[in-house]
Amino acid sequence: MASALLPTLHADQGFQHEHGRGYIGSRDIDLGIHVEPDWTAEEYHDTGVGKTLING
C-alpha cells in the first residue's frame, strides 16, 4: 500500500491546544464478529458471541 497517496492527518496541535496535553492516539478497538446469515434466533443465542452480546 502506498502511504504517500493517503492524506496525512495531524490531530496533535489542535488537541494539545484544547486539552493541554499531546494526542496519544485512539483508544478504541475494532472487533470482528462472525455471524452466519442463516442462523435462527435460537442458534444465535447458543453461540459464544450471542451469549456475550445478550448477557454482556
N, C-alpha and C. Protein backbone atom coordinates (compact mmCIF):
# COMPACT_ATOMS: atom_id res chain seq x y z
N MET A 1 0.85 -1.18 0.00
CA MET A 1 0.00 0.00 0.00
C MET A 1 0.89 1.23 0.00
N ALA A 2 0.62 2.14 -0.84
CA ALA A 2 1.43 3.36 -0.97
C ALA A 2 0.92 4.42 -0.01
N SER A 3 1.59 4.55 1.12
CA SER A 3 1.14 5.51 2.12
C SER A 3 1.27 6.96 1.66
N ALA A 4 2.10 7.21 0.65
CA ALA A 4 2.25 8.57 0.14
C ALA A 4 0.96 9.07 -0.52
N LEU A 5 0.09 8.15 -0.91
CA LEU A 5 -1.16 8.52 -1.55
C LEU A 5 -2.26 8.83 -0.54
N LEU A 6 -2.06 8.46 0.72
CA LEU A 6 -3.08 8.69 1.74
C LEU A 6 -2.90 10.07 2.37
N PRO A 7 -4.00 10.73 2.72
CA PRO A 7 -3.87 12.04 3.37
C PRO A 7 -3.25 11.90 4.75
N THR A 8 -2.50 12.86 5.15
CA THR A 8 -1.89 12.87 6.47
C THR A 8 -2.71 13.77 7.38
N LEU A 9 -3.14 13.22 8.51
CA LEU A 9 -3.94 13.98 9.46
C LEU A 9 -3.10 14.25 10.71
N HIS A 10 -3.09 15.48 11.14
CA HIS A 10 -2.35 15.85 12.34
C HIS A 10 -3.32 16.38 13.37
N ALA A 11 -3.58 15.59 14.39
CA ALA A 11 -4.54 15.97 15.42
C ALA A 11 -3.85 16.62 16.61
N ASP A 12 -2.55 16.42 16.76
CA ASP A 12 -1.87 16.80 17.99
C ASP A 12 -1.93 18.29 18.30
N GLN A 13 -1.68 19.15 17.33
CA GLN A 13 -1.61 20.59 17.62
C GLN A 13 -2.95 21.11 18.14
N GLY A 14 -4.04 20.82 17.46
CA GLY A 14 -5.35 21.26 17.91
C GLY A 14 -5.77 20.60 19.21
N PHE A 15 -5.46 19.33 19.33
CA PHE A 15 -5.80 18.58 20.54
C PHE A 15 -5.05 19.16 21.74
N GLN A 16 -3.76 19.43 21.56
CA GLN A 16 -2.96 19.97 22.66
C GLN A 16 -3.46 21.35 23.06
N HIS A 17 -3.88 22.16 22.10
CA HIS A 17 -4.42 23.48 22.39
C HIS A 17 -5.69 23.36 23.23
N GLU A 18 -6.55 22.42 22.89
CA GLU A 18 -7.83 22.24 23.59
C GLU A 18 -7.69 21.56 24.95
N HIS A 19 -6.78 20.58 25.05
CA HIS A 19 -6.71 19.73 26.24
C HIS A 19 -5.46 19.91 27.09
N GLY A 20 -4.50 20.67 26.59
CA GLY A 20 -3.29 20.91 27.37
C GLY A 20 -2.33 19.74 27.44
N ARG A 21 -2.51 18.76 26.59
CA ARG A 21 -1.61 17.59 26.54
C ARG A 21 -1.58 17.06 25.12
N GLY A 22 -0.56 16.28 24.83
CA GLY A 22 -0.42 15.72 23.50
C GLY A 22 -1.42 14.61 23.21
N TYR A 23 -1.72 14.43 21.93
CA TYR A 23 -2.62 13.38 21.48
C TYR A 23 -1.86 12.07 21.39
N ILE A 24 -2.31 11.04 22.11
CA ILE A 24 -1.59 9.76 22.11
C ILE A 24 -2.22 8.74 21.16
N GLY A 25 -3.29 9.09 20.53
CA GLY A 25 -3.94 8.18 19.60
C GLY A 25 -5.28 7.71 20.11
N SER A 26 -5.97 7.02 19.25
CA SER A 26 -7.29 6.49 19.58
C SER A 26 -7.16 5.34 20.57
N ARG A 27 -8.09 5.24 21.46
CA ARG A 27 -8.07 4.16 22.46
C ARG A 27 -9.18 3.14 22.22
N ASP A 28 -9.89 3.26 21.13
CA ASP A 28 -10.93 2.28 20.85
C ASP A 28 -10.33 1.05 20.17
N ILE A 29 -11.10 -0.01 20.13
CA ILE A 29 -10.67 -1.23 19.47
C ILE A 29 -11.75 -1.66 18.48
N ASP A 30 -11.34 -2.35 17.47
CA ASP A 30 -12.27 -2.90 16.49
C ASP A 30 -12.38 -4.40 16.72
N LEU A 31 -13.60 -4.89 16.75
CA LEU A 31 -13.83 -6.31 16.95
C LEU A 31 -14.50 -6.89 15.72
N GLY A 32 -14.05 -8.03 15.30
CA GLY A 32 -14.69 -8.74 14.20
C GLY A 32 -15.51 -9.89 14.77
N ILE A 33 -16.78 -9.92 14.43
CA ILE A 33 -17.67 -10.95 14.96
C ILE A 33 -18.28 -11.71 13.80
N HIS A 34 -18.16 -13.03 13.84
CA HIS A 34 -18.71 -13.87 12.78
C HIS A 34 -20.14 -14.27 13.13
N VAL A 35 -21.07 -13.94 12.26
CA VAL A 35 -22.47 -14.33 12.41
C VAL A 35 -22.94 -14.90 11.08
N GLU A 36 -23.45 -16.10 11.11
CA GLU A 36 -23.98 -16.72 9.90
C GLU A 36 -25.33 -16.10 9.56
N PRO A 37 -25.54 -15.69 8.32
CA PRO A 37 -26.80 -15.04 7.96
C PRO A 37 -28.02 -15.95 8.09
N ASP A 38 -27.81 -17.27 8.06
CA ASP A 38 -28.96 -18.17 8.14
C ASP A 38 -29.21 -18.72 9.54
N TRP A 39 -28.51 -18.22 10.56
CA TRP A 39 -28.76 -18.65 11.93
C TRP A 39 -30.15 -18.22 12.37
N THR A 40 -30.83 -19.11 13.08
CA THR A 40 -32.09 -18.73 13.70
C THR A 40 -31.77 -18.01 15.01
N ALA A 41 -32.77 -17.39 15.62
CA ALA A 41 -32.55 -16.70 16.89
C ALA A 41 -32.03 -17.66 17.94
N GLU A 42 -32.56 -18.89 17.95
CA GLU A 42 -32.11 -19.87 18.95
C GLU A 42 -30.65 -20.27 18.71
N GLU A 43 -30.29 -20.47 17.45
CA GLU A 43 -28.90 -20.82 17.13
C GLU A 43 -27.96 -19.68 17.51
N TYR A 44 -28.37 -18.47 17.25
CA TYR A 44 -27.56 -17.30 17.59
C TYR A 44 -27.33 -17.21 19.09
N HIS A 45 -28.39 -17.38 19.87
CA HIS A 45 -28.29 -17.28 21.33
C HIS A 45 -27.38 -18.36 21.91
N ASP A 46 -27.25 -19.48 21.23
CA ASP A 46 -26.40 -20.58 21.72
C ASP A 46 -24.93 -20.43 21.35
N THR A 47 -24.57 -19.40 20.59
CA THR A 47 -23.17 -19.20 20.23
C THR A 47 -22.47 -18.35 21.30
N GLY A 48 -21.15 -18.39 21.28
CA GLY A 48 -20.39 -17.56 22.21
C GLY A 48 -20.66 -16.08 22.03
N VAL A 49 -20.73 -15.65 20.78
CA VAL A 49 -20.98 -14.23 20.52
C VAL A 49 -22.39 -13.85 20.95
N GLY A 50 -23.34 -14.72 20.71
CA GLY A 50 -24.71 -14.43 21.13
C GLY A 50 -24.82 -14.30 22.64
N LYS A 51 -24.18 -15.21 23.37
CA LYS A 51 -24.20 -15.14 24.83
C LYS A 51 -23.49 -13.90 25.35
N THR A 52 -22.40 -13.53 24.71
CA THR A 52 -21.65 -12.34 25.12
C THR A 52 -22.45 -11.06 24.89
N LEU A 53 -23.04 -10.91 23.72
CA LEU A 53 -23.75 -9.69 23.39
C LEU A 53 -25.07 -9.57 24.15
N ILE A 54 -25.72 -10.66 24.42
CA ILE A 54 -27.00 -10.62 25.11
C ILE A 54 -26.80 -10.47 26.61
N ASN A 55 -25.82 -11.16 27.17
CA ASN A 55 -25.59 -11.11 28.62
C ASN A 55 -24.57 -10.09 29.03
N GLY A 56 -23.83 -9.53 28.04
CA GLY A 56 -22.73 -8.64 28.32
C GLY A 56 -23.16 -7.36 28.92
